[in-house]
Amino acid sequence: MQGPYGHSLLVTDAERPCGWATGSLSTEGSSIHLHDVDAPIAAPESSGDFGIQIFFSGEAEGAIPWGVGGWESLRKRVVDAGGDRLLLRPHHRHVLTDAPACRHWLFSTEPDPPPCGLALSPTSILVPSMVNACGDHFGRLFEFVGQSCQAVILEDFNLTDAGDIQCVPMGSGLLDGGLMGSLIRAHVPSEVPVIIHAGCVEEANSWLWPGSKH
């Protein structure tokens, strides 16, 4: 399904009540594979699988995530996995931890251009202290990399009783769908697919763009 501004909308079916969006999706003759947060960056198991593989950027294997060692390790893992069909998504504990880190990955040419692109995923950059101002953090992320990302992944979230971020399906948490829709419209090119952790694409469209006739 296309959204009102031309973006392909894909849903995960939200089979898991909690947890990051995972699984395989089909779009226009291709496929997108969303790997879980603990999955190591790796080449597809099948040599005939030409779909896009989306991985979390991963922790820095003992190095400071934002240090030189973390960046070098991430680059090597992506290159070894054959980076041309890979996208990385950020996470607040990982090498791609926030908006500046995502922008650095996409635009740094030292020592070489990045070996793969980026899937913009707002919720996974959050820590609990950011929730009250999450709109500002999300806006910065879209401003920094929205024009250059190759996919958007949207997951709703709640705070647990312990105060931790918990990913939940669309509409059952604190994420403002209308804000996400306006940021996508303002910053993300129409050819970039939008993946929503939801069970119904029509409901996802209405969540993002209330009043849309699609």
C-alpha atoms as a PDB file:
ATOM      1  CA  MET A   1       0.000   0.000   0.000  1.00  0.00           C
ATOM      2  CA  GLN A   2       1.131   3.523  -0.716  1.00  0.00           C
ATOM      3  CA  GLY A   3       0.670   6.274   1.822  1.00  0.00           C
ATOM      4  CA  PRO A   4      -0.766   9.668   0.843  1.00  0.00           C
ATOM      5  CA  TYR A   5       2.707  11.045   0.053  1.00  0.00           C
ATOM      6  CA  GLY A   6       3.941   8.140  -2.057  1.00  0.00           C
ATOM      7  CA  HIS A   7       5.794   6.043   0.527  1.00  0.00           C
ATOM      8  CA  SER A   8       5.328   2.275   0.395  1.00  0.00           C
ATOM      9  CA  LEU A   9       3.815   1.195   3.718  1.00  0.00           C
ATOM     10  CA  LEU A  10       4.672  -2.253   5.074  1.00  0.00           C
ATOM     11  CA  VAL A  11       3.532  -3.850   8.327  1.00  0.00           C
ATOM     12  CA  THR A  12       5.115  -6.622  10.386  1.00  0.00           C
ATOM     13  CA  ASP A  13       1.779  -8.198  11.463  1.00  0.00           C
ATOM     14  CA  ALA A  14       2.876  -7.470  15.064  1.00  0.00           C
ATOM     15  CA  GLU A  15       2.886 -11.133  16.047  1.00  0.00           C
ATOM     16  CA  ARG A  16       4.953 -10.444  19.171  1.00  0.00           C
ATOM     17  CA  PRO A  17       3.216  -8.353  21.860  1.00  0.00           C
ATOM     18  CA  CYS A  18       6.566  -6.818  22.869  1.00  0.00           C
ATOM     19  CA  GLY A  19       9.964  -6.540  21.251  1.00  0.00           C
ATOM     20  CA  TRP A  20      11.546  -4.904  18.222  1.00  0.00           C
ATOM     21  CA  ALA A  21      10.072  -5.373  14.760  1.00  0.00           C
ATOM     22  CA  THR A  22      11.473  -8.523  13.151  1.00  0.00           C
ATOM     23  CA  GLY A  23      10.661 -10.877  10.308  1.00  0.00           C
ATOM     24  CA  SER A  24      10.496 -10.875   6.520  1.00  0.00           C
ATOM     25  CA  LEU A  25       8.386  -8.523   4.409  1.00  0.00           C
ATOM     26  CA  SER A  26       7.739  -8.414   0.680  1.00  0.00           C
ATOM     27  CA  THR A  27       7.570  -5.288  -1.445  1.00  0.00           C
ATOM     28  CA  GLU A  28       7.442  -4.782  -5.212  1.00  0.00           C
ATOM     29  CA  GLY A  29       9.142  -8.046  -6.107  1.00  0.00           C
ATOM     30  CA  SER A  30      11.809  -7.719  -3.423  1.00  0.00           C
ATOM     31  CA  SER A  31      12.040  -8.624   0.243  1.00  0.00           C
ATOM     32  CA  ILE A  32      13.171  -6.982   3.467  1.00  0.00           C
ATOM     33  CA  HIS A  33      14.480  -9.009   6.392  1.00  0.00           C
ATOM     34  CA  LEU A  34      14.416  -7.398   9.843  1.00  0.00           C
ATOM     35  CA  HIS A  35      16.861  -9.020  12.269  1.00  0.00           C
ATOM     36  CA  ASP A  36      16.503  -8.909  16.035  1.00  0.00           C
ATOM     37  CA  VAL A  37      18.696  -6.823  18.300  1.00  0.00           C
ATOM     38  CA  ASP A  38      21.006  -9.719  19.227  1.00  0.00           C
ATOM     39  CA  ALA A  39      21.521 -11.020  15.686  1.00  0.00           C
ATOM     40  CA  PRO A  40      25.119 -10.619  14.476  1.00  0.00           C
ATOM     41  CA  ILE A  41      25.680  -8.815  11.194  1.00  0.00           C
ATOM     42  CA  ALA A  42      26.104 -11.578   8.624  1.00  0.00           C
ATOM     43  CA  ALA A  43      25.612 -12.442   4.975  1.00  0.00           C
ATOM     44  CA  PRO A  44      22.287 -14.112   4.006  1.00  0.00           C
ATOM     45  CA  GLU A  45      22.195 -17.845   4.674  1.00  0.00           C
ATOM     46  CA  SER A  46      21.106 -18.449   1.078  1.00  0.00           C
ATOM     47  CA  SER A  47      23.259 -17.175  -1.781  1.00  0.00           C
ATOM     48  CA  GLY A  48      20.069 -16.683  -3.788  1.00  0.00           C
ATOM     49  CA  ASP A  49      18.517 -14.304  -1.270  1.00  0.00           C
ATOM     50  CA  PHE A  50      18.774 -10.847  -2.827  1.00  0.00           C
ATOM     51  CA  GLY A  51      16.541  -9.126  -0.310  1.00  0.00           C
ATOM     52  CA  ILE A  52      17.579  -6.250   1.918  1.00  0.00           C
ATOM     53  CA  GLN A  53      18.932  -7.334   5.301  1.00  0.00           C
ATOM     54  CA  ILE A  54      18.408  -4.863   8.166  1.00  0.00           C
ATOM     55  CA  PHE A  55      20.587  -5.336  11.247  1.00  0.00           C
ATOM     56  CA  PHE A  56      21.098  -3.391  14.438  1.00  0.00           C
ATOM     57  CA  SER A  57      24.588  -1.897  14.335  1.00  0.00           C
ATOM     58  CA  GLY A  58      25.595  -3.893  17.410  1.00  0.00           C
ATOM     59  CA  GLU A  59      27.705  -3.168  20.422  1.00  0.00           C
ATOM     60  CA  ALA A  60      31.355  -2.355  20.026  1.00  0.00           C
ATOM     61  CA  GLU A  61      32.804  -5.687  21.230  1.00  0.00           C
ATOM     62  CA  GLY A  62      34.545  -4.216  24.244  1.00  0.00           C
ATOM     63  CA  ALA A  63      35.505  -0.909  22.614  1.00  0.00           C
ATOM     64  CA  ILE A  64      33.900   2.423  23.427  1.00  0.00           C
ATOM     65  CA  PRO A  65      30.873   2.473  21.056  1.00  0.00           C
ATOM     66  CA  TRP A  66      31.640   5.931  19.708  1.00  0.00           C
ATOM     67  CA  GLY A  67      35.410   5.407  19.641  1.00  0.00           C
ATOM     68  CA  VAL A  68      37.601   4.645  16.646  1.00  0.00           C
ATOM     69  CA  GLY A  69      37.708   0.948  17.524  1.00  0.00           C
ATOM     70  CA  GLY A  70      33.929   0.686  17.494  1.00  0.00           C
ATOM     71  CA  TRP A  71      33.654   2.290  14.071  1.00  0.00           C
ATOM     72  CA  GLU A  72      36.421   0.159  12.592  1.00  0.00           C
ATOM     73  CA  SER A  73      34.878  -3.019  13.977  1.00  0.00           C
ATOM     74  CA  LEU A  74      31.446  -2.139  12.596  1.00  0.00           C
ATOM     75  CA  ARG A  75      32.828  -1.297   9.167  1.00  0.00           C
ATOM     76  CA  LYS A  76      34.708  -4.609   9.029  1.00  0.00           C
ATOM     77  CA  ARG A  77      31.631  -6.627  10.021  1.00  0.00           C
ATOM     78  CA  VAL A  78      29.545  -4.939   7.322  1.00  0.00           C
ATOM     79  CA  VAL A  79      32.179  -5.414   4.618  1.00  0.00           C
ATOM     80  CA  ASP A  80      32.656  -9.078   5.568  1.00  0.00           C
ATOM     81  CA  ALA A  81      28.893  -9.606   5.289  1.00  0.00           C
ATOM     82  CA  GLY A  82      28.716  -8.027   1.828  1.00  0.00           C
ATOM     83  CA  GLY A  83      27.383  -4.597   2.664  1.00  0.00           C
ATOM     84  CA  ASP A  84      25.659  -3.707  -0.606  1.00  0.00           C
ATOM     85  CA  ARG A  85      22.388  -5.406   0.465  1.00  0.00           C
ATOM     86  CA  LEU A  86      22.596  -4.422   4.135  1.00  0.00           C
ATOM     87  CA  LEU A  87      21.117  -1.560   6.105  1.00  0.00           C
ATOM     88  CA  LEU A  88      21.977  -0.706   9.687  1.00  0.00           C
ATOM     89  CA  ARG A  89      19.549   0.598  12.266  1.00  0.00           C
ATOM     90  CA  PRO A  90      20.581   2.536  15.388  1.00  0.00           C
ATOM     91  CA  HIS A  91      20.227   1.628  19.041  1.00  0.00           C
ATOM     92  CA  HIS A  92      21.152   3.712  22.068  1.00  0.00           C
ATOM     93  CA  ARG A  93      23.655   1.081  23.319  1.00  0.00           C
ATOM     94  CA  HIS A  94      25.260   0.448  19.935  1.00  0.00           C
ATOM     95  CA  VAL A  95      27.807   2.082  17.652  1.00  0.00           C
ATOM     96  CA  LEU A  96      25.067   3.973  15.815  1.00  0.00           C
ATOM     97  CA  THR A  97      23.743   5.395  19.051  1.00  0.00           C
ATOM     98  CA  ASP A  98      22.060   8.664  18.058  1.00  0.00           C
ATOM     99  CA  ALA A  99      21.411  11.182  15.278  1.00  0.00           C
ATOM    100  CA  PRO A 100      25.022  12.491  15.034  1.00  0.00           C
ATOM    101  CA  ALA A 101      26.402   8.941  14.901  1.00  0.00           C
ATOM    102  CA  CYS A 102      23.958   8.014  12.123  1.00  0.00           C
ATOM    103  CA  ARG A 103      24.921  11.094  10.160  1.00  0.00           C
ATOM    104  CA  HIS A 104      28.623  10.335  10.653  1.00  0.00           C
ATOM    105  CA  TRP A 105      28.091   6.808   9.313  1.00  0.00           C
ATOM    106  CA  LEU A 106      26.348   8.065   6.189  1.00  0.00           C
ATOM    107  CA  PHE A 107      28.559  11.025   5.336  1.00  0.00           C
ATOM    108  CA  SER A 108      32.046  10.220   6.582  1.00  0.00           C
ATOM    109  CA  THR A 109      34.496   9.387   3.808  1.00  0.00           C
ATOM    110  CA  GLU A 110      37.406   8.537   6.124  1.00  0.00           C
ATOM    111  CA  PRO A 111      38.955   6.151   5.272  1.00  0.00           C
ATOM    112  CA  ASP A 112      36.251   5.194   2.737  1.00  0.00           C
ATOM    113  CA  PRO A 113      32.566   5.915   2.127  1.00  0.00           C
ATOM    114  CA  PRO A 114      30.179   3.818   4.260  1.00  0.00           C
ATOM    115  CA  PRO A 115      29.824   0.207   3.072  1.00  0.00           C
ATOM    116  CA  CYS A 116      26.046   0.202   3.592  1.00  0.00           C
ATOM    117  CA  GLY A 117      23.097   2.503   4.176  1.00  0.00           C
ATOM    118  CA  LEU A 118      20.830   3.281   7.121  1.00  0.00           C
ATOM    119  CA  ALA A 119      17.348   2.341   8.274  1.00  0.00           C
ATOM    120  CA  LEU A 120      16.003   5.208  10.392  1.00  0.00           C
ATOM    121  CA  SER A 121      14.343   3.799  13.543  1.00  0.00           C
ATOM    122  CA  PRO A 122      13.378   6.498  16.051  1.00  0.00           C
ATOM    123  CA  THR A 123      12.278   4.428  19.037  1.00  0.00           C
ATOM    124  CA  SER A 124      15.481   2.418  19.290  1.00  0.00           C
ATOM    125  CA  ILE A 125      17.582   5.539  20.019  1.00  0.00           C
ATOM    126  CA  LEU A 126      15.507   6.331  23.115  1.00  0.00           C
ATOM    127  CA  VAL A 127      16.569   5.996  26.730  1.00  0.00           C
ATOM    128  CA  PRO A 128      14.026   6.661  29.498  1.00  0.00           C
ATOM    129  CA  SER A 129      15.380  10.138  30.261  1.00  0.00           C
ATOM    130  CA  MET A 130      14.613  11.181  26.671  1.00  0.00           C
ATOM    131  CA  VAL A 131      10.920  10.275  26.692  1.00  0.00           C
ATOM    132  CA  ASN A 132       9.542  13.637  27.860  1.00  0.00           C
ATOM    133  CA  ALA A 133      11.386  15.388  25.034  1.00  0.00           C
ATOM    134  CA  CYS A 134      11.223  12.531  22.540  1.00  0.00           C
ATOM    135  CA  GLY A 135       9.650  14.754  19.874  1.00  0.00           C
ATOM    136  CA  ASP A 136      12.783  16.922  19.847  1.00  0.00           C
ATOM    137  CA  HIS A 137      15.059  13.870  19.609  1.00  0.00           C
ATOM    138  CA  PHE A 138      13.001  12.339  16.814  1.00  0.00           C
ATOM    139  CA  GLY A 139      12.908  15.633  14.933  1.00  0.00           C
ATOM    140  CA  ARG A 140      16.707  15.875  15.088  1.00  0.00           C
ATOM    141  CA  LEU A 141      17.085  12.316  13.816  1.00  0.00           C
ATOM    142  CA  PHE A 142      14.831  12.964  10.821  1.00  0.00           C
ATOM    143  CA  GLU A 143      16.528  16.288  10.105  1.00  0.00           C
ATOM    144  CA  PHE A 144      19.985  14.700  10.243  1.00  0.00           C
ATOM    145  CA  VAL A 145      19.380  11.578   8.119  1.00  0.00           C
ATOM    146  CA  GLY A 146      15.782  11.511   6.834  1.00  0.00           C
ATOM    147  CA  GLN A 147      16.756  12.617   3.340  1.00  0.00           C
ATOM    148  CA  SER A 148      19.503   9.979   3.122  1.00  0.00           C
ATOM    149  CA  CYS A 149      18.023   6.915   4.830  1.00  0.00           C
ATOM    150  CA  GLN A 150      16.879   3.922   2.797  1.00  0.00           C
ATOM    151  CA  ALA A 151      14.076   2.746   5.089  1.00  0.00           C
ATOM    152  CA  VAL A 152      12.094   3.944   8.101  1.00  0.00           C
ATOM    153  CA  ILE A 153      11.102   1.542  10.897  1.00  0.00           C
ATOM    154  CA  LEU A 154       8.403   2.682  13.313  1.00  0.00           C
ATOM    155  CA  GLU A 155       7.782   0.936  16.626  1.00  0.00           C
ATOM    156  CA  ASP A 156       5.545   2.228  19.387  1.00  0.00           C
ATOM    157  CA  PHE A 157       6.828   2.133  22.957  1.00  0.00           C
ATOM    158  CA  ASN A 158       5.854   2.175  26.615  1.00  0.00           C
ATOM    159  CA  LEU A 159       7.754   2.573  29.852  1.00  0.00           C
ATOM    160  CA  THR A 160       7.796  -0.533  32.065  1.00  0.00           C
ATOM    161  CA  ASP A 161       7.194  -0.391  35.818  1.00  0.00           C
ATOM    162  CA  ALA A 162      10.981  -0.394  36.166  1.00  0.00           C
ATOM    163  CA  GLY A 163      11.198   2.670  33.926  1.00  0.00           C
ATOM    164  CA  ASP A 164      12.691   0.896  30.888  1.00  0.00           C
ATOM    165  CA  ILE A 165      11.735   1.398  27.240  1.00  0.00           C
ATOM    166  CA  GLN A 166       9.591  -1.444  25.941  1.00  0.00           C
ATOM    167  CA  CYS A 167       8.762  -1.702  22.245  1.00  0.00           C
ATOM    168  CA  VAL A 168       5.065  -2.464  21.548  1.00  0.00           C
ATOM    169  CA  PRO A 169       2.857  -2.627  18.433  1.00  0.00           C
ATOM    170  CA  MET A 170       1.501   0.548  16.869  1.00  0.00           C
ATOM    171  CA  GLY A 171      -1.158   2.431  18.779  1.00  0.00           C
ATOM    172  CA  SER A 172      -0.626   0.673  22.105  1.00  0.00           C
ATOM    173  CA  GLY A 173       2.054   2.989  23.467  1.00  0.00           C
ATOM    174  CA  LEU A 174       3.288   6.556  23.739  1.00  0.00           C
ATOM    175  CA  LEU A 175       4.541   7.215  20.219  1.00  0.00           C
ATOM    176  CA  ASP A 176       2.711  10.046  18.447  1.00  0.00           C
ATOM    177  CA  GLY A 177       1.745   8.665  15.058  1.00  0.00           C
ATOM    178  CA  GLY A 178       0.786  12.069  13.710  1.00  0.00           C
ATOM    179  CA  LEU A 179       4.221  13.440  14.593  1.00  0.00           C
ATOM    180  CA  MET A 180       5.888  10.517  12.815  1.00  0.00           C
ATOM    181  CA  GLY A 181       3.732  11.096   9.754  1.00  0.00           C
ATOM    182  CA  SER A 182       4.598  14.788   9.615  1.00  0.00           C
ATOM    183  CA  LEU A 183       8.336  14.063   9.996  1.00  0.00           C
ATOM    184  CA  ILE A 184       8.200  11.465   7.232  1.00  0.00           C
ATOM    185  CA  ARG A 185       6.363  13.882   4.963  1.00  0.00           C
ATOM    186  CA  ALA A 186       8.858  16.661   5.651  1.00  0.00           C
ATOM    187  CA  HIS A 187      12.142  14.727   5.515  1.00  0.00           C
ATOM    188  CA  VAL A 188      11.863  11.292   3.884  1.00  0.00           C
ATOM    189  CA  PRO A 189      11.809  10.882   0.077  1.00  0.00           C
ATOM    190  CA  SER A 190       8.705   9.166  -1.259  1.00  0.00           C
ATOM    191  CA  GLU A 191      10.667   6.216  -2.675  1.00  0.00           C
ATOM    192  CA  VAL A 192      11.814   5.188   0.820  1.00  0.00           C
ATOM    193  CA  PRO A 193       9.671   2.392   2.336  1.00  0.00           C
ATOM    194  CA  VAL A 194       8.111   2.872   5.770  1.00  0.00           C
ATOM    195  CA  ILE A 195       7.875  -0.260   7.945  1.00  0.00           C
ATOM    196  CA  ILE A 196       5.403  -0.109  10.823  1.00  0.00           C
ATOM    197  CA  HIS A 197       5.258  -2.608  13.684  1.00  0.00           C
ATOM    198  CA  ALA A 198       1.529  -3.098  13.265  1.00  0.00           C
ATOM    199  CA  GLY A 199      -1.051  -5.636  12.189  1.00  0.00           C
ATOM    200  CA  CYS A 200      -3.034  -3.673   9.608  1.00  0.00           C
ATOM    201  CA  VAL A 201      -1.615  -1.395   6.931  1.00  0.00           C
ATOM    202  CA  GLU A 202      -4.809   0.668   6.629  1.00  0.00           C
ATOM    203  CA  GLU A 203      -4.774   1.362  10.372  1.00  0.00           C
ATOM    204  CA  ALA A 204      -1.070   2.209  10.166  1.00  0.00           C
ATOM    205  CA  ASN A 205      -1.792   4.708   7.417  1.00  0.00           C
ATOM    206  CA  SER A 206      -4.519   6.359   9.519  1.00  0.00           C
ATOM    207  CA  TRP A 207      -2.230   6.408  12.563  1.00  0.00           C
ATOM    208  CA  LEU A 208       0.454   8.267  10.634  1.00  0.00           C
ATOM    209  CA  TRP A 209      -1.826  10.572   8.660  1.00  0.00           C
ATOM    210  CA  PRO A 210      -5.191  10.994  10.418  1.00  0.00           C
ATOM    211  CA  GLY A 211      -7.912  11.922   7.963  1.00  0.00           C
ATOM    212  CA  SER A 212      -6.114  10.327   5.026  1.00  0.00           C
ATOM    213  CA  LYS A 213      -8.509   8.860   2.476  1.00  0.00           C
ATOM    214  CA  HIS A 214      -6.212   5.942   1.637  1.00  0.00           C
END
